[in-house]
């Protein structure tokens, strides 16, 4: 294998045989693809890492689903699990909304951080979850990511982050925006020691997250079709008074304009990451 083969634009999706549809099934047994409208058995879709076998659409994954598919079994050690947000600006109903999301997602915040292995190679990982406050970046999200990067730096380990966010969290104002600088500074210190950082942008990655740590990896990858950008499409069109291309702010558009290193299908993600980690350790490809 050659290093150029890692970044082939050819997409390959695992194939799952289609099943005959049945009516009156319990909720959750079947899942409809929002792109091609094909209805799949949910269990089979999960086996295929939530990638539609018909069109390759990448369904949303939770933080722990990503961790389970990426890391070696029973290797994950979570960091800062009990850290929760306060309400520094006394924003109305903010605490109630946070508590509602905790119950709905079984998460304390919009990012899960920790340490594990990929085919035996130790890594520090951060995975954002858009179900919690749309993955918005508040003080706790920024602090957890910064601590994870600092842990990777102190142990001289690769850092991998999966981003999924609507941007900075408005309920925390400037305290949220400060996380952009804090996380970026931590990544810079990590880089200065020669440590590896890999960012995988998933759907959606927008606002202050896209403008900070999400775009600062040594490798910046994205999943197919992911929405990636800073300001919204409509705002940009109104500002520049021009109509934007149909595929504007998609992963493929960014790749074609030099803002990503590759668009990686989820079914190939683990093997490609392992290859990069192996090379960074000084390994030789067979």
Protein backbone atom coordinates (compact mmCIF):
# COMPACT_ATOMS: atom_id res chain seq x y z
CA UNK A 1 0.00 0.00 0.00
CA UNK A 2 1.20 3.52 -0.80
CA UNK A 3 0.41 6.63 1.22
CA UNK A 4 -1.48 8.14 -1.74
CA UNK A 5 -3.94 5.24 -1.57
CA UNK A 6 -5.17 6.56 1.79
CA UNK A 7 -6.79 9.53 0.14
CA UNK A 8 -8.49 7.98 -2.85
CA UNK A 9 -11.77 9.74 -3.63
CA UNK A 10 -13.36 6.44 -4.65
CA UNK A 11 -16.12 5.61 -2.17
CA UNK A 12 -16.79 2.06 -1.09
CA UNK A 13 -19.76 1.09 1.01
CA UNK A 14 -20.37 -2.27 2.59
CA UNK A 15 -23.41 -3.99 1.16
CA UNK A 16 -26.22 -5.25 3.35
CA UNK A 17 -28.91 -7.42 1.68
CA UNK A 18 -32.32 -5.74 1.59
CA UNK A 19 -35.23 -7.38 3.42
CA UNK A 20 -38.90 -7.53 2.53
CA UNK A 21 -40.82 -4.81 4.33
CA UNK A 22 -43.50 -5.74 6.84
CA UNK A 23 -46.28 -3.54 8.18
CA UNK A 24 -47.22 -2.85 11.78
CA UNK A 25 -43.72 -3.37 13.16
CA UNK A 26 -42.72 -1.80 16.50
CA UNK A 27 -40.98 1.57 16.42
CA UNK A 28 -37.26 1.36 15.85
CA UNK A 29 -37.25 -1.96 13.98
CA UNK A 30 -36.98 -0.24 10.60
CA UNK A 31 -35.08 2.91 9.60
CA UNK A 32 -35.83 5.02 6.53
CA UNK A 33 -32.92 6.64 4.72
CA UNK A 34 -33.58 10.39 4.39
CA UNK A 35 -31.64 10.51 1.12
CA UNK A 36 -32.79 7.55 -1.01
CA UNK A 37 -35.89 6.66 1.08
CA UNK A 38 -34.85 3.01 1.28
CA UNK A 39 -36.16 1.30 4.43
CA UNK A 40 -33.66 -0.95 6.19
CA UNK A 41 -33.76 -3.20 9.21
CA UNK A 42 -32.25 -1.09 11.99
CA UNK A 43 -30.07 -3.91 13.34
CA UNK A 44 -28.53 -4.42 9.89
CA UNK A 45 -27.99 -0.67 9.51
CA UNK A 46 -26.14 -0.59 12.84
CA UNK A 47 -23.96 -3.52 11.73
CA UNK A 48 -23.04 -1.40 8.72
CA UNK A 49 -21.97 1.44 11.08
CA UNK A 50 -25.16 3.32 10.19
CA UNK A 51 -24.26 3.74 6.52
CA UNK A 52 -27.10 3.16 4.04
CA UNK A 53 -26.23 0.11 1.93
CA UNK A 54 -28.18 1.54 -1.01
CA UNK A 55 -26.84 5.10 -1.37
CA UNK A 56 -24.05 5.45 1.19
CA UNK A 57 -25.85 8.06 3.30
CA UNK A 58 -24.23 8.40 6.72
CA UNK A 59 -26.84 8.39 9.48
CA UNK A 60 -26.19 10.22 12.74
CA UNK A 61 -24.15 8.32 15.33
CA UNK A 62 -24.03 8.90 19.06
CA UNK A 63 -20.71 9.53 20.78
CA UNK A 64 -20.58 6.05 22.29
CA UNK A 65 -21.56 4.38 19.02
CA UNK A 66 -18.52 6.01 17.41
CA UNK A 67 -16.28 5.01 20.29
CA UNK A 68 -17.51 1.41 20.12
CA UNK A 69 -16.92 1.14 16.39
CA UNK A 70 -13.51 2.84 16.44
CA UNK A 71 -11.73 1.59 19.57
CA UNK A 72 -10.68 -1.90 20.59
CA UNK A 73 -13.22 -3.68 22.77
CA UNK A 74 -13.10 -2.73 26.47
CA UNK A 75 -10.14 -0.38 25.90
CA UNK A 76 -11.97 2.94 26.50
CA UNK A 77 -11.25 4.90 29.68
CA UNK A 78 -13.47 7.99 29.94
CA UNK A 79 -12.16 11.35 31.21
CA UNK A 80 -14.09 14.02 33.17
CA UNK A 81 -17.42 12.22 32.92
CA UNK A 82 -19.04 14.10 35.80
CA UNK A 83 -18.16 17.60 34.58
CA UNK A 84 -21.34 19.65 33.99
CA UNK A 85 -22.18 23.19 32.92
CA UNK A 86 -23.35 25.99 35.21
CA UNK A 87 -25.29 29.10 34.17
CA UNK A 88 -22.70 31.91 34.41
CA UNK A 89 -24.85 34.46 32.56
CA UNK A 90 -28.10 33.48 34.33
CA UNK A 91 -29.66 32.71 30.96
CA UNK A 92 -33.39 31.95 31.36
CA UNK A 93 -34.27 28.23 31.48
CA UNK A 94 -30.70 27.20 30.58
CA UNK A 95 -30.27 24.80 33.51
CA UNK A 96 -33.64 23.20 32.77
CA UNK A 97 -32.65 22.66 29.12
CA UNK A 98 -29.35 21.10 30.15
CA UNK A 99 -31.11 18.75 32.52
CA UNK A 100 -33.59 17.79 29.80
CA UNK A 101 -30.74 16.90 27.44
CA UNK A 102 -29.00 14.86 30.13
CA UNK A 103 -32.11 12.74 30.56
CA UNK A 104 -32.67 12.43 26.81
CA UNK A 105 -29.09 11.49 25.86
CA UNK A 106 -27.71 9.94 29.07
CA UNK A 107 -24.74 12.31 28.64
CA UNK A 108 -23.60 15.12 30.92
CA UNK A 109 -22.35 17.28 28.06
CA UNK A 110 -21.99 17.47 24.28
CA UNK A 111 -18.59 15.76 24.13
CA UNK A 112 -17.18 12.49 25.46
CA UNK A 113 -13.42 12.31 25.98
CA UNK A 114 -11.11 9.51 26.97
CA UNK A 115 -8.31 7.13 26.10
CA UNK A 116 -8.29 3.82 24.27
CA UNK A 117 -6.55 1.77 21.60
CA UNK A 118 -7.00 1.19 17.87
CA UNK A 119 -5.58 -2.23 17.00
CA UNK A 120 -3.36 -1.89 20.05
CA UNK A 121 -2.16 1.67 19.35
CA UNK A 122 -3.03 4.00 22.27
CA UNK A 123 -4.85 7.24 21.44
CA UNK A 124 -6.71 10.01 23.24
CA UNK A 125 -10.10 10.64 21.70
CA UNK A 126 -12.87 13.25 21.87
CA UNK A 127 -16.27 12.62 20.27
CA UNK A 128 -18.95 15.30 20.05
CA UNK A 129 -22.63 14.35 20.17
CA UNK A 130 -25.10 16.61 18.38
CA UNK A 131 -28.06 15.29 20.38
CA UNK A 132 -26.92 17.40 23.36
CA UNK A 133 -27.66 21.09 22.76
CA UNK A 134 -26.92 20.49 19.05
CA UNK A 135 -23.31 19.74 20.00
CA UNK A 136 -22.80 23.39 20.89
CA UNK A 137 -19.50 24.42 22.42
CA UNK A 138 -19.85 25.82 25.93
CA UNK A 139 -17.28 26.15 28.70
CA UNK A 140 -17.43 22.47 29.67
CA UNK A 141 -17.10 21.24 26.09
CA UNK A 142 -14.05 23.47 25.60
CA UNK A 143 -12.56 22.45 28.95
CA UNK A 144 -13.04 18.71 28.34
CA UNK A 145 -11.48 18.91 24.88
CA UNK A 146 -8.57 21.01 26.19
CA UNK A 147 -7.92 18.57 29.03
CA UNK A 148 -7.99 15.66 26.59
CA UNK A 149 -5.48 17.39 24.32
CA UNK A 150 -3.24 18.18 27.30
CA UNK A 151 -3.44 14.53 28.41
CA UNK A 152 -2.40 13.45 24.92
CA UNK A 153 0.47 15.94 25.02
CA UNK A 154 1.73 14.86 28.45
CA UNK A 155 1.67 11.18 27.42
CA UNK A 156 2.94 11.90 23.90
CA UNK A 157 -0.10 10.23 22.32
CA UNK A 158 -2.06 10.90 19.12
CA UNK A 159 -5.25 12.92 19.58
CA UNK A 160 -8.34 12.13 17.50
CA UNK A 161 -11.51 14.22 17.54
CA UNK A 162 -14.88 13.68 15.85
CA UNK A 163 -16.70 17.00 15.59
CA UNK A 164 -20.46 17.52 15.32
CA UNK A 165 -21.69 20.94 16.36
CA UNK A 166 -23.94 23.88 15.67
CA UNK A 167 -21.19 26.21 16.91
CA UNK A 168 -20.55 28.22 20.08
CA UNK A 169 -23.24 28.01 22.77
CA UNK A 170 -25.14 31.28 22.87
CA UNK A 171 -26.29 30.80 26.48
CA UNK A 172 -22.69 31.22 27.65
CA UNK A 173 -21.77 34.21 25.51
CA UNK A 174 -18.11 35.26 25.50
CA UNK A 175 -17.21 32.36 27.82
CA UNK A 176 -18.18 30.04 25.00
CA UNK A 177 -16.20 31.98 22.37
CA UNK A 178 -13.11 31.87 24.60
CA UNK A 179 -13.04 28.09 24.13
CA UNK A 180 -11.98 28.62 20.51
CA UNK A 181 -8.67 30.16 21.62
CA UNK A 182 -8.16 27.76 24.53
CA UNK A 183 -8.56 24.60 22.49
CA UNK A 184 -6.48 26.00 19.62
CA UNK A 185 -3.63 26.89 21.98
CA UNK A 186 -3.69 23.39 23.46
CA UNK A 187 -3.48 21.88 19.97
CA UNK A 188 -0.55 24.14 19.14
CA UNK A 189 1.37 22.90 22.20
CA UNK A 190 0.53 19.33 21.19
CA UNK A 191 1.86 19.98 17.68
CA UNK A 192 5.07 21.64 18.87
CA UNK A 193 6.10 18.36 20.52
CA UNK A 194 5.59 16.49 17.26
CA UNK A 195 2.41 14.77 18.43
CA UNK A 196 -0.21 13.72 15.90
CA UNK A 197 -3.70 15.27 15.78
CA UNK A 198 -6.48 14.00 13.51
CA UNK A 199 -9.81 15.79 13.08
CA UNK A 200 -12.84 14.09 11.53
CA UNK A 201 -15.62 16.54 10.72
CA UNK A 202 -19.08 14.98 10.72
CA UNK A 203 -22.53 16.32 9.91
CA UNK A 204 -22.89 19.12 10.91
CA UNK A 205 -19.70 20.98 11.95
CA UNK A 206 -20.37 24.70 11.93
CA UNK A 207 -19.73 28.05 13.62
CA UNK A 208 -16.99 28.48 16.19
CA UNK A 209 -16.16 24.77 16.23
CA UNK A 210 -15.41 24.71 12.49
CA UNK A 211 -13.33 27.89 12.94
CA UNK A 212 -11.16 26.47 15.71
CA UNK A 213 -10.14 22.97 16.78
CA UNK A 214 -12.13 21.14 14.09
CA UNK A 215 -9.88 22.57 11.37
CA UNK A 216 -6.53 22.34 13.15
CA UNK A 217 -5.58 18.70 12.81
CA UNK A 218 -2.45 17.47 11.09
CA UNK A 219 -5.01 15.57 9.04
CA UNK A 220 -8.48 17.04 8.52
CA UNK A 221 -10.96 14.47 7.23
CA UNK A 222 -14.74 14.49 6.84
CA UNK A 223 -17.53 12.00 6.37
CA UNK A 224 -19.35 12.04 3.00
CA UNK A 225 -22.03 14.69 2.67
CA UNK A 226 -21.22 16.41 5.96
CA UNK A 227 -22.31 20.04 6.30
CA UNK A 228 -19.23 22.09 7.21
CA UNK A 229 -19.03 25.87 7.43
CA UNK A 230 -18.98 28.95 9.59
CA UNK A 231 -21.96 31.19 8.76
CA UNK A 232 -25.20 29.85 7.30
CA UNK A 233 -25.76 29.63 3.57
CA UNK A 234 -28.63 32.14 3.57
CA UNK A 235 -26.63 34.72 5.52
CA UNK A 236 -23.70 34.44 3.12
CA UNK A 237 -25.92 34.78 0.06
CA UNK A 238 -27.60 37.86 1.51
CA UNK A 239 -24.22 39.38 2.35
CA UNK A 240 -22.45 38.81 -0.98
CA UNK A 241 -25.69 39.11 -3.01
CA UNK A 242 -24.87 36.02 -5.03
CA UNK A 243 -26.33 32.54 -5.28
CA UNK A 244 -23.99 29.87 -3.95
CA UNK A 245 -23.31 26.48 -5.61
CA UNK A 246 -25.72 23.67 -4.77
CA UNK A 247 -23.00 21.66 -3.01
CA UNK A 248 -21.62 24.65 -1.07
CA UNK A 249 -20.41 23.79 2.47
CA UNK A 250 -20.48 20.05 1.86
CA UNK A 251 -17.47 17.86 2.64
CA UNK A 252 -16.97 17.23 -1.08
CA UNK A 253 -17.01 20.97 -1.87
CA UNK A 254 -14.40 21.65 0.81
CA UNK A 255 -12.21 18.80 -0.45
CA UNK A 256 -12.33 20.14 -4.00
CA UNK A 257 -11.28 23.58 -2.70
CA UNK A 258 -8.35 22.35 -0.64
CA UNK A 259 -9.84 22.64 2.84
CA UNK A 260 -9.80 18.91 3.64
CA UNK A 261 -7.27 16.15 3.19
CA UNK A 262 -9.84 13.49 2.33
CA UNK A 263 -13.48 12.50 2.55
CA UNK A 264 -13.52 9.11 4.25
CA UNK A 265 -16.55 6.79 4.25
CA UNK A 266 -17.27 5.52 7.75
CA UNK A 267 -16.84 1.92 6.63
CA UNK A 268 -13.18 2.70 5.84
CA UNK A 269 -12.50 5.04 8.76
CA UNK A 270 -10.99 2.63 11.27
CA UNK A 271 -8.56 1.02 8.83
CA UNK A 272 -7.39 4.36 7.44
CA UNK A 273 -6.86 5.81 10.91
CA UNK A 274 -4.90 2.74 11.97
CA UNK A 275 -2.65 3.07 8.91
CA UNK A 276 -1.88 6.71 9.71
CA UNK A 277 -1.24 5.91 13.38
CA UNK A 278 1.03 3.03 12.39
CA UNK A 279 3.00 5.24 10.00
CA UNK A 280 3.34 7.96 12.64
CA UNK A 281 4.85 5.40 14.99
CA UNK A 282 7.48 4.64 12.39
CA UNK A 283 5.84 1.52 11.05
CA UNK A 284 6.24 0.21 7.52
CA UNK A 285 3.29 -0.52 5.25
CA UNK A 286 3.26 -3.97 3.69
